[in-house]
Amino acid sequence: MPTHQDHVDPRTRSEHDLLGDRDVPADAYYGIHTLRAVENFPITGTPVSAYPDLVTALACVKQAAALANRDLGLLDGRRADAIAAACEEIRAGRLHDAFVVDVIQGGAGTSTNMNANEVVANRALELLGHRKGEYANLHPLEDVNAGQSTNDVYPTAVKIALDFTAQRLLDAMDVLRVAFAAKAEEFADVLKMGRTQLQDAVPMTLGQEFATYAVMLAEDHKRLTEARELIREINLGGTAIGTGLNTHPEYAALACSRLRTITGLPLTVADDLVEATQDAGAFVQLSGVLKRIAVKLSKVCNDLRLLSCGPRAGFAEINLPPVQAGSSIMPGKVNPVVPEVVNQIAFEVIGNDMAVTMAAEAGQLQLNAFEPVIAHSLLKSLTHLRAGCLTLAERCVTGITANREHLARTVAHSIGLATALNPHIGYEQATAVAQEALVTGRSVHALVLEKGLLTESELQLVLHPDNLARPHMLTGAPSPT
């Protein structure tokens, strides 16, 4: 068998680690550590490259570390600049397909860090005029990983990736909020019956109903923005357990400064790196906010499905835009498929939150070894929520129409109008009218006139949309009996 020294197969190159020698494809930018990880973790079939923000974040960290080490005289300028140039290429989208390890892995992210070290090193070697694998000239661990440990590199990169991805979700939430706000304005004059516990309650406008969805999104936008602040505290420079072993005293601050410049994010070094290395609280907080967003989005989609149910035997208050045939057996059937897919995204995010919770709780002593599943869960939640918001806005909300005539009829015949009469005819009289309307099928309006409880002009004023759907000055209230 060829040794590392006398290897002759042009299709492969031989690399060595603590377990021995292995042949790596000659054109691969990854190396032996990555090769073993691919073999050890055939788990999800989802490679790290499926999350471009995570690959980019890893390159940002490696670049910042190299430049900090160069500035401190710990890495010569030629190698540091080659590492930085390789990282710039990765940040620009190159070599992402070389990040092949499964996103879920044992080892607290070590395989991902090794994958990054090897890809950066081999590309830097090419830039220096060497062949891949000629590590005597620039080494993945001695040079690319200088002053680092997986235990500070990986969580820092994950936080940066989450920050990048969270911004995309925030942008998508804005798109959906604007879509709901536009519908709220369009439907501002459409009176309908509100419901509590699925029973007729009191009148409102369809615009008010849609405005609440816009407000809910605005509130959650603020909560997600707050959660981003927590993930901007990093432990880079803490190395293995937060004590900063094998780093220069100025390295942590300098590396963070470089990272701020590279990422454009207001990152800060944690006050206590030992605490920061073992604490997953910021991930739990972010996950909780994503669960909140998911729960509320799912509730909105439940409303849209309910309000549009029919078209003949349901509420049929609104129409969702038809986007595809709904049945292989029932001709003409159209289903609310866009709200349904957003519901399913919400279910997934809620499940992901449980995974994050359990992984954070399972940390022991100075390190949480389960950050890969935390990263995978959070990046999935952020990515899928973003897609859900954009799909809901573009394929559903913007095309919603109101069944105005049907809504007007339901208001006119609802016993919920009796509530608006309380201040004018008293609760007992209003209750009697409501009960009679329910039994006879006659309208509240007709019964009030028949009984002489109010005149037509008084009734028209009481039941005017401006008075039914918002606070107003009360006149003519009945005297206490």
Protein backbone atom coordinates (compact mmCIF):
# COMPACT_ATOMS: atom_id res chain seq x y z
CA MET A 1 0.00 0.00 0.00
CA PRO A 2 1.43 3.41 -0.90
CA THR A 3 2.52 5.60 1.99
CA HIS A 4 2.06 9.33 2.31
CA GLN A 5 5.56 9.74 0.86
CA ASP A 6 5.38 7.36 -2.12
CA HIS A 7 1.73 7.83 -3.09
CA VAL A 8 1.43 7.51 -6.87
CA ASP A 9 -2.30 7.39 -7.79
CA PRO A 10 -2.98 10.67 -9.66
CA ARG A 11 -6.68 10.51 -8.83
CA THR A 12 -6.09 10.79 -5.09
CA ARG A 13 -3.74 12.30 -2.57
CA SER A 14 -2.73 10.74 0.73
CA GLU A 15 -3.36 12.59 3.98
CA HIS A 16 -2.59 11.67 7.56
CA ASP A 17 -4.35 12.15 10.91
CA LEU A 18 -4.11 10.51 14.34
CA LEU A 19 -5.90 7.40 13.05
CA GLY A 20 -3.56 6.90 10.11
CA ASP A 21 -3.44 7.55 6.36
CA ARG A 22 -6.37 7.93 3.95
CA ASP A 23 -6.68 8.67 0.26
CA VAL A 24 -8.61 11.84 -0.53
CA PRO A 25 -9.80 12.73 -4.06
CA ALA A 26 -6.98 14.76 -5.61
CA ASP A 27 -9.26 17.60 -6.70
CA ALA A 28 -11.14 17.85 -3.37
CA TYR A 29 -10.73 21.01 -1.34
CA TYR A 30 -11.64 19.09 1.80
CA GLY A 31 -9.20 16.73 3.51
CA ILE A 32 -8.93 13.66 5.71
CA HIS A 33 -10.86 15.03 8.69
CA THR A 34 -13.80 15.91 6.45
CA LEU A 35 -13.62 12.53 4.73
CA ARG A 36 -13.92 10.70 8.05
CA ALA A 37 -16.81 12.93 9.13
CA VAL A 38 -18.73 12.22 5.93
CA GLU A 39 -18.31 8.50 6.63
CA ASN A 40 -19.21 8.82 10.31
CA PHE A 41 -22.31 11.00 10.00
CA PRO A 42 -24.62 9.91 7.17
CA ILE A 43 -27.51 11.33 9.19
CA THR A 44 -29.76 13.86 7.48
CA GLY A 45 -28.37 13.98 3.98
CA THR A 46 -28.21 17.74 4.46
CA PRO A 47 -24.66 19.04 4.14
CA VAL A 48 -23.46 22.24 5.77
CA SER A 49 -23.51 23.80 2.30
CA ALA A 50 -27.32 23.68 2.41
CA TYR A 51 -27.02 26.72 4.69
CA PRO A 52 -24.99 29.27 2.69
CA ASP A 53 -25.10 31.74 5.57
CA LEU A 54 -23.33 29.22 7.82
CA VAL A 55 -20.59 28.61 5.24
CA THR A 56 -20.19 32.35 4.79
CA ALA A 57 -20.06 32.85 8.55
CA LEU A 58 -17.33 30.22 8.92
CA ALA A 59 -15.28 32.03 6.28
CA CYS A 60 -15.82 35.32 8.13
CA VAL A 61 -14.48 33.81 11.36
CA LYS A 62 -11.46 32.22 9.67
CA GLN A 63 -10.64 35.47 7.91
CA ALA A 64 -10.93 37.53 11.10
CA ALA A 65 -8.74 35.07 13.00
CA ALA A 66 -6.04 35.08 10.32
CA LEU A 67 -5.92 38.86 10.18
CA ALA A 68 -5.82 39.14 13.98
CA ASN A 69 -2.98 36.62 14.17
CA ARG A 70 -1.12 38.51 11.46
CA ASP A 71 -1.56 41.81 13.29
CA LEU A 72 -0.21 40.21 16.46
CA GLY A 73 2.81 38.75 14.64
CA LEU A 74 1.66 35.18 15.18
CA LEU A 75 1.12 34.37 11.50
CA ASP A 76 3.29 35.65 8.69
CA GLY A 77 1.68 38.06 6.27
CA ARG A 78 1.99 35.84 3.19
CA ARG A 79 0.04 32.94 4.67
CA ALA A 80 -2.41 35.18 6.50
CA ASP A 81 -3.22 37.07 3.32
CA ALA A 82 -3.68 33.83 1.39
CA ILE A 83 -6.09 32.58 4.05
CA ALA A 84 -7.97 35.86 3.94
CA ALA A 85 -8.16 35.73 0.14
CA ALA A 86 -9.53 32.19 0.23
CA CYS A 87 -12.12 33.29 2.76
CA GLU A 88 -13.12 36.21 0.55
CA GLU A 89 -13.80 33.76 -2.27
CA ILE A 90 -15.97 31.60 -0.02
CA ARG A 91 -17.85 34.66 1.18
CA ALA A 92 -18.47 35.52 -2.48
CA GLY A 93 -20.12 32.12 -2.98
CA ARG A 94 -17.25 29.99 -4.27
CA LEU A 95 -16.34 26.54 -2.91
CA HIS A 96 -19.56 26.10 -0.95
CA ASP A 97 -19.97 22.67 -2.50
CA ALA A 98 -16.80 21.61 -0.69
CA PHE A 99 -18.58 21.92 2.68
CA VAL A 100 -19.85 18.36 2.62
CA VAL A 101 -20.16 17.23 6.24
CA ASP A 102 -23.66 16.50 7.51
CA VAL A 103 -25.14 19.42 9.40
CA ILE A 104 -25.95 17.12 12.34
CA GLN A 105 -22.82 15.50 13.75
CA GLY A 106 -21.19 14.43 16.97
CA GLY A 107 -18.27 16.41 18.34
CA ALA A 108 -19.88 19.79 19.05
CA GLY A 109 -19.28 20.99 15.49
CA THR A 110 -15.67 19.83 15.21
CA SER A 111 -16.30 18.22 11.82
CA THR A 112 -17.72 21.47 10.45
CA ASN A 113 -14.73 23.40 11.76
CA MET A 114 -12.33 20.84 10.26
CA ASN A 115 -14.15 21.03 6.94
CA ALA A 116 -13.74 24.82 6.96
CA ASN A 117 -10.07 24.60 7.94
CA GLU A 118 -9.29 22.19 5.12
CA VAL A 119 -11.19 24.02 2.39
CA VAL A 120 -9.65 27.34 3.33
CA ALA A 121 -6.17 25.81 3.60
CA ASN A 122 -6.30 24.04 0.25
CA ARG A 123 -7.59 27.07 -1.60
CA ALA A 124 -4.97 29.24 0.12
CA LEU A 125 -2.30 26.74 -0.96
CA GLU A 126 -3.42 27.14 -4.57
CA LEU A 127 -3.24 30.91 -4.26
CA LEU A 128 0.32 30.52 -2.98
CA GLY A 129 1.23 28.35 -5.97
CA HIS A 130 1.10 24.96 -4.25
CA ARG A 131 -1.00 21.87 -4.75
CA LYS A 132 -3.84 20.81 -2.50
CA GLY A 133 -2.63 18.78 0.44
CA GLU A 134 0.89 20.27 0.55
CA TYR A 135 0.32 21.26 4.14
CA ALA A 136 3.98 21.85 4.92
CA ASN A 137 3.46 25.22 3.22
CA LEU A 138 0.18 26.13 4.96
CA HIS A 139 -1.57 23.85 7.41
CA PRO A 140 -5.31 23.58 8.17
CA LEU A 141 -4.74 23.33 11.92
CA GLU A 142 -1.42 25.09 12.51
CA ASP A 143 -2.30 28.13 10.39
CA VAL A 144 -6.00 28.35 9.46
CA ASN A 145 -7.11 27.26 12.94
CA ALA A 146 -4.41 29.20 14.79
CA GLY A 147 -5.63 30.62 18.10
CA GLN A 148 -8.95 28.84 17.74
CA SER A 149 -10.99 25.90 18.92
CA THR A 150 -14.17 24.45 17.52
CA ASN A 151 -15.72 25.52 20.80
CA ASP A 152 -15.38 29.21 20.01
CA VAL A 153 -15.33 29.11 16.20
CA TYR A 154 -18.47 27.05 15.71
CA PRO A 155 -20.87 28.92 18.04
CA THR A 156 -19.56 32.24 16.76
CA ALA A 157 -20.16 31.20 13.16
CA VAL A 158 -23.60 29.83 14.03
CA LYS A 159 -24.57 33.12 15.67
CA ILE A 160 -23.41 35.11 12.65
CA ALA A 161 -25.29 32.79 10.31
CA LEU A 162 -28.43 33.11 12.43
CA ASP A 163 -28.10 36.89 12.37
CA PHE A 164 -27.78 36.95 8.59
CA THR A 165 -30.72 34.58 8.15
CA ALA A 166 -32.86 36.42 10.71
CA GLN A 167 -32.52 39.60 8.69
CA ARG A 168 -34.02 37.81 5.70
CA LEU A 169 -36.93 36.65 7.82
CA LEU A 170 -37.47 40.18 9.11
CA ASP A 171 -37.59 41.46 5.53
CA ALA A 172 -40.12 38.77 4.60
CA MET A 173 -42.27 39.59 7.62
CA ASP A 174 -42.34 43.19 6.44
CA VAL A 175 -43.57 42.07 3.03
CA LEU A 176 -46.40 40.09 4.65
CA ARG A 177 -47.24 42.90 7.06
CA VAL A 178 -47.53 45.39 4.20
CA ALA A 179 -49.78 42.96 2.31
CA PHE A 180 -52.14 42.64 5.28
CA ALA A 181 -52.09 46.39 5.88
CA ALA A 182 -53.06 47.02 2.26
CA LYS A 183 -56.01 44.64 2.60
CA ALA A 184 -57.00 46.34 5.86
CA GLU A 185 -57.23 49.64 4.01
CA GLU A 186 -59.09 48.05 1.09
CA PHE A 187 -61.66 46.47 3.42
CA ALA A 188 -62.00 49.42 5.82
CA ASP A 189 -65.63 50.03 4.84
CA VAL A 190 -66.76 46.38 4.83
CA LEU A 191 -68.94 45.69 7.87
CA LYS A 192 -69.09 42.12 9.17
CA MET A 193 -69.84 40.19 12.33
CA GLY A 194 -67.03 39.49 14.71
CA ARG A 195 -67.03 36.15 16.46
CA THR A 196 -65.99 34.84 19.84
CA GLN A 197 -65.87 31.09 20.42
CA LEU A 198 -67.12 30.76 16.82
CA GLN A 199 -70.42 32.40 17.79
CA ASP A 200 -71.73 35.74 16.55
CA ALA A 201 -70.37 38.52 18.75
CA VAL A 202 -70.55 42.16 17.69
CA PRO A 203 -69.97 43.97 14.40
CA MET A 204 -66.57 45.04 13.16
CA THR A 205 -65.06 45.81 9.80
CA LEU A 206 -63.17 43.34 7.68
CA GLY A 207 -60.47 46.00 7.59
CA GLN A 208 -60.12 45.82 11.37
CA GLU A 209 -59.81 42.05 11.15
CA PHE A 210 -56.98 42.25 8.61
CA ALA A 211 -55.31 45.13 10.43
CA THR A 212 -54.84 42.90 13.46
CA TYR A 213 -52.72 40.56 11.34
CA ALA A 214 -50.50 43.44 10.30
CA VAL A 215 -50.14 44.55 13.93
CA MET A 216 -49.29 41.02 15.07
CA LEU A 217 -46.50 40.82 12.52
CA ALA A 218 -45.16 44.23 13.56
CA GLU A 219 -45.05 43.10 17.19
CA ASP A 220 -43.17 39.91 16.33
CA HIS A 221 -40.80 41.88 14.13
CA LYS A 222 -39.77 43.79 17.25
CA ARG A 223 -39.35 40.60 19.28
CA LEU A 224 -37.12 39.03 16.63
CA THR A 225 -35.06 42.21 16.43
CA GLU A 226 -34.53 42.01 20.19
CA ALA A 227 -33.51 38.34 19.98
CA ARG A 228 -30.87 39.23 17.39
CA GLU A 229 -29.20 41.48 19.95
CA LEU A 230 -28.54 38.50 22.22
CA ILE A 231 -26.85 36.40 19.54
CA ARG A 232 -24.39 39.20 18.79
CA GLU A 233 -22.41 38.41 21.92
CA ILE A 234 -19.70 35.90 20.93
CA ASN A 235 -17.06 33.78 22.65
CA LEU A 236 -14.37 33.95 19.94
CA GLY A 237 -11.01 33.92 21.68
CA GLY A 238 -12.16 31.62 24.46
CA THR A 239 -10.77 28.55 22.63
CA ALA A 240 -11.55 25.21 24.29
CA ILE A 241 -13.49 26.14 27.44
CA GLY A 242 -13.34 29.93 27.58
CA THR A 243 -9.99 30.39 29.31
CA GLY A 244 -8.33 31.57 26.10
CA LEU A 245 -5.63 28.89 26.17
CA ASN A 246 -3.08 29.31 23.33
CA THR A 247 -4.18 32.83 22.44
CA HIS A 248 -2.49 36.22 22.75
CA PRO A 249 -3.99 38.43 25.48
CA GLU A 250 -5.17 40.89 22.80
CA TYR A 251 -6.44 38.27 20.39
CA ALA A 252 -10.12 38.10 21.45
CA ALA A 253 -10.71 41.82 21.19
CA LEU A 254 -8.75 42.13 17.95
CA ALA A 255 -10.45 39.14 16.31
CA CYS A 256 -13.86 40.50 17.27
CA SER A 257 -12.96 43.89 15.85
CA ARG A 258 -11.93 42.29 12.58
CA LEU A 259 -15.12 40.24 12.58
CA ARG A 260 -17.27 43.33 13.08
CA THR A 261 -15.67 44.91 10.03
CA ILE A 262 -16.01 41.79 7.90
CA THR A 263 -19.63 41.02 8.79
CA GLY A 264 -20.98 44.51 9.32
CA LEU A 265 -22.59 43.26 12.54
CA PRO A 266 -22.20 44.98 15.94
CA LEU A 267 -20.61 41.93 17.57
CA THR A 268 -19.21 42.06 21.11
CA VAL A 269 -16.96 39.75 23.10
CA ALA A 270 -18.73 38.20 26.08
CA ASP A 271 -17.65 39.55 29.46
CA ASP A 272 -17.02 36.02 30.73
CA LEU A 273 -15.84 33.66 28.02
CA VAL A 274 -16.05 30.59 30.24
CA GLU A 275 -19.74 31.27 30.82
CA ALA A 276 -20.33 32.16 27.18
CA THR A 277 -18.75 28.93 25.93
CA GLN A 278 -21.20 26.72 27.81
CA ASP A 279 -24.33 28.91 27.69
CA ALA A 280 -26.93 28.27 24.98
CA GLY A 281 -29.46 30.73 26.39
CA ALA A 282 -29.38 33.07 23.38
CA PHE A 283 -30.31 30.16 21.12
CA VAL A 284 -33.22 29.24 23.38
CA GLN A 285 -34.41 32.84 23.37
CA LEU A 286 -34.27 33.05 19.58
CA SER A 287 -36.03 29.73 19.23
CA GLY A 288 -38.80 30.89 21.54
CA VAL A 289 -39.35 33.99 19.44
CA LEU A 290 -39.50 31.89 16.27
CA LYS A 291 -42.06 29.64 17.95
CA ARG A 292 -44.09 32.72 18.86
CA ILE A 293 -44.00 33.89 15.23
CA ALA A 294 -44.98 30.43 14.04
CA VAL A 295 -47.89 30.11 16.47
CA LYS A 296 -49.32 33.48 15.48
CA LEU A 297 -48.83 32.90 11.76
CA SER A 298 -50.58 29.57 12.09
CA LYS A 299 -53.49 31.23 13.89
CA VAL A 300 -53.78 33.77 11.07
CA CYS A 301 -53.80 30.96 8.52
CA ASN A 302 -56.49 29.16 10.52
CA ASP A 303 -58.57 32.34 10.28
CA LEU A 304 -58.03 32.66 6.54
CA ARG A 305 -59.06 29.04 5.99
CA LEU A 306 -62.15 29.47 8.18
CA LEU A 307 -63.25 32.81 6.71
CA SER A 308 -62.92 31.45 3.19
CA CYS A 309 -64.48 28.03 3.80
CA GLY A 310 -67.24 27.09 1.41
CA PRO A 311 -67.81 28.34 -1.20
CA ARG A 312 -71.50 27.56 -0.67
CA ALA A 313 -71.71 25.65 2.60
CA GLY A 314 -69.24 27.59 4.74
CA PHE A 315 -68.52 31.12 6.00
CA ALA A 316 -67.56 32.36 2.52
CA GLU A 317 -66.78 35.84 3.83
CA ILE A 318 -63.60 36.14 1.82
CA ASN A 319 -62.20 34.47 -1.27
CA LEU A 320 -58.63 33.22 -1.40
CA PRO A 321 -57.05 33.35 -4.84
CA PRO A 322 -57.26 29.94 -6.58
CA VAL A 323 -53.71 28.72 -7.25
CA GLN A 324 -54.23 25.07 -8.21
CA ALA A 325 -56.87 22.38 -8.62
CA GLY A 326 -57.88 20.97 -5.27
CA SER A 327 -58.96 17.42 -5.97
CA SER A 328 -58.30 14.49 -8.25
CA ILE A 329 -61.90 13.30 -7.81
CA MET A 330 -64.06 16.37 -7.03
CA PRO A 331 -64.37 18.65 -10.08
CA GLY A 332 -64.10 22.37 -9.43
CA LYS A 333 -62.78 22.01 -5.88
CA VAL A 334 -60.15 24.54 -4.81
CA ASN A 335 -58.35 24.23 -1.48
CA PRO A 336 -56.61 26.83 0.74
CA VAL A 337 -53.23 25.26 0.00
CA VAL A 338 -51.09 28.30 0.77
CA PRO A 339 -52.39 28.80 4.33
CA GLU A 340 -52.13 25.03 4.76
CA VAL A 341 -48.44 24.97 3.88
CA VAL A 342 -47.77 27.84 6.29
CA ASN A 343 -49.60 25.90 9.01
CA GLN A 344 -47.22 23.00 8.38
CA ILE A 345 -44.19 25.27 8.56
CA ALA A 346 -45.48 26.45 11.92
CA PHE A 347 -45.82 22.88 13.18
CA GLU A 348 -42.21 22.21 12.15
CA VAL A 349 -40.92 25.35 13.87
CA ILE A 350 -42.72 24.43 17.08
CA GLY A 351 -41.08 21.01 16.94
CA ASN A 352 -37.71 22.58 16.22
CA ASP A 353 -38.13 24.69 19.35
CA MET A 354 -38.45 21.53 21.41
CA ALA A 355 -35.26 20.16 19.83
CA VAL A 356 -33.41 23.38 20.68
CA THR A 357 -34.77 23.31 24.22
CA MET A 358 -33.64 19.74 24.86
CA ALA A 359 -30.24 20.30 23.23
CA ALA A 360 -29.60 23.42 25.30
CA GLU A 361 -30.64 21.62 28.49
CA ALA A 362 -28.35 18.68 27.69
CA GLY A 363 -25.16 20.74 27.91
CA GLN A 364 -22.70 19.57 30.55
CA LEU A 365 -20.06 21.51 32.44
CA GLN A 366 -17.91 23.74 30.21
CA LEU A 367 -19.43 22.96 26.79
CA ASN A 368 -22.68 22.20 25.05
CA ALA A 369 -21.90 19.39 22.60
CA PHE A 370 -25.26 19.61 20.87
CA GLU A 371 -25.02 22.90 19.04
CA PRO A 372 -25.13 21.21 15.60
CA VAL A 373 -28.77 20.22 16.10
CA ILE A 374 -29.45 23.68 17.56
CA ALA A 375 -27.97 25.29 14.45
CA HIS A 376 -29.84 22.96 12.11
CA SER A 377 -33.15 23.54 13.90
CA LEU A 378 -32.85 27.32 14.06
CA LEU A 379 -31.62 27.74 10.49
CA LYS A 380 -34.46 25.55 9.24
CA SER A 381 -36.99 27.54 11.23
CA LEU A 382 -35.69 30.89 10.00
CA THR A 383 -35.44 29.74 6.39
CA HIS A 384 -38.83 28.09 6.26
CA LEU A 385 -40.62 30.91 8.07
CA ARG A 386 -39.15 33.36 5.56
CA ALA A 387 -40.37 31.25 2.66
CA GLY A 388 -43.77 30.90 4.31
CA CYS A 389 -44.19 34.65 4.83
CA LEU A 390 -43.28 35.43 1.22
CA THR A 391 -45.49 32.67 -0.16
CA LEU A 392 -48.44 33.73 1.99
CA ALA A 393 -48.05 37.35 0.94
CA GLU A 394 -47.49 36.79 -2.77
CA ARG A 395 -49.65 33.73 -3.46
CA CYS A 396 -52.54 34.39 -1.09
CA VAL A 397 -53.01 37.67 0.79
CA THR A 398 -52.55 40.07 -2.11
CA GLY A 399 -55.28 38.27 -4.05
CA ILE A 400 -57.92 38.03 -1.31
CA THR A 401 -61.33 39.53 -2.12
CA ALA A 402 -64.33 40.19 0.11
CA ASN A 403 -67.86 38.90 -0.43
CA ARG A 404 -69.36 42.28 0.43
CA GLU A 405 -73.03 41.52 -0.21
CA HIS A 406 -72.90 38.30 1.76
CA LEU A 407 -71.23 40.08 4.67
CA ALA A 408 -73.86 42.82 4.64
CA ARG A 409 -76.64 40.22 4.80
CA THR A 410 -75.05 38.38 7.71
CA VAL A 411 -74.74 41.62 9.68
CA ALA A 412 -78.31 42.60 8.97
CA HIS A 413 -79.65 39.26 10.16
CA SER A 414 -77.32 38.69 13.11
CA ILE A 415 -78.65 38.81 16.63
CA GLY A 416 -75.26 40.25 17.56
CA LEU A 417 -76.68 43.66 16.63
CA ALA A 418 -78.69 43.51 19.84
CA THR A 419 -75.51 44.24 21.80
CA ALA A 420 -75.30 47.68 20.19
CA LEU A 421 -78.80 48.40 21.51
CA ASN A 422 -77.86 47.89 25.19
CA PRO A 423 -77.12 51.56 25.92
CA HIS A 424 -80.37 52.64 24.20
CA ILE A 425 -83.03 50.11 25.22
CA GLY A 426 -81.37 48.29 28.12
CA TYR A 427 -79.92 44.82 28.47
CA GLU A 428 -83.22 43.06 29.25
CA GLN A 429 -85.07 44.53 26.29
CA ALA A 430 -82.12 43.82 24.01
CA THR A 431 -81.98 40.22 25.26
CA ALA A 432 -85.68 39.73 24.55
CA VAL A 433 -85.28 41.10 21.03
CA ALA A 434 -82.29 38.85 20.42
CA GLN A 435 -84.10 35.75 21.63
CA GLU A 436 -87.15 36.49 19.48
CA ALA A 437 -84.98 37.15 16.44
CA LEU A 438 -83.24 33.82 16.94
CA VAL A 439 -86.51 31.89 17.28
CA THR A 440 -88.45 33.59 14.48
CA GLY A 441 -85.65 34.26 12.03
CA ARG A 442 -86.68 37.92 11.83
CA SER A 443 -84.11 40.70 11.99
CA VAL A 444 -83.27 42.69 15.11
CA HIS A 445 -83.89 45.84 13.09
CA ALA A 446 -87.48 44.84 12.24
CA LEU A 447 -88.35 43.73 15.77
CA VAL A 448 -87.06 46.95 17.38
CA LEU A 449 -89.20 49.04 15.04
CA GLU A 450 -92.25 46.81 15.52
CA LYS A 451 -92.03 47.09 19.29
CA GLY A 452 -91.54 50.84 19.12
CA LEU A 453 -88.31 50.67 21.08
CA LEU A 454 -86.55 53.10 18.72
CA THR A 455 -87.53 55.13 15.71
CA GLU A 456 -86.17 54.42 12.26
CA SER A 457 -83.85 57.44 12.42
CA GLU A 458 -82.62 56.49 15.89
CA LEU A 459 -82.03 52.92 14.81
CA GLN A 460 -80.17 53.99 11.69
CA LEU A 461 -77.88 56.12 13.85
CA VAL A 462 -77.26 53.34 16.37
CA LEU A 463 -76.52 50.79 13.63
CA HIS A 464 -74.39 53.08 11.49
CA PRO A 465 -71.05 51.36 10.68
CA ASP A 466 -69.09 54.20 12.28
CA ASN A 467 -70.89 53.55 15.57
CA LEU A 468 -70.85 49.76 15.39
CA ALA A 469 -67.15 49.18 14.79
CA ARG A 470 -65.46 51.78 17.00
CA PRO A 471 -65.97 53.78 20.21
CA HIS A 472 -68.40 56.70 19.98
CA MET A 473 -70.29 59.11 22.24
CA LEU A 474 -73.46 57.50 23.63
CA THR A 475 -76.71 59.47 23.63
CA GLY A 476 -80.16 58.58 24.77
CA ALA A 477 -79.14 55.86 27.23
CA PRO A 478 -82.05 54.38 29.16
CA SER A 479 -82.67 55.52 32.70
CA PRO A 480 -81.91 53.00 35.46
CA THR A 481 -84.93 51.04 36.58
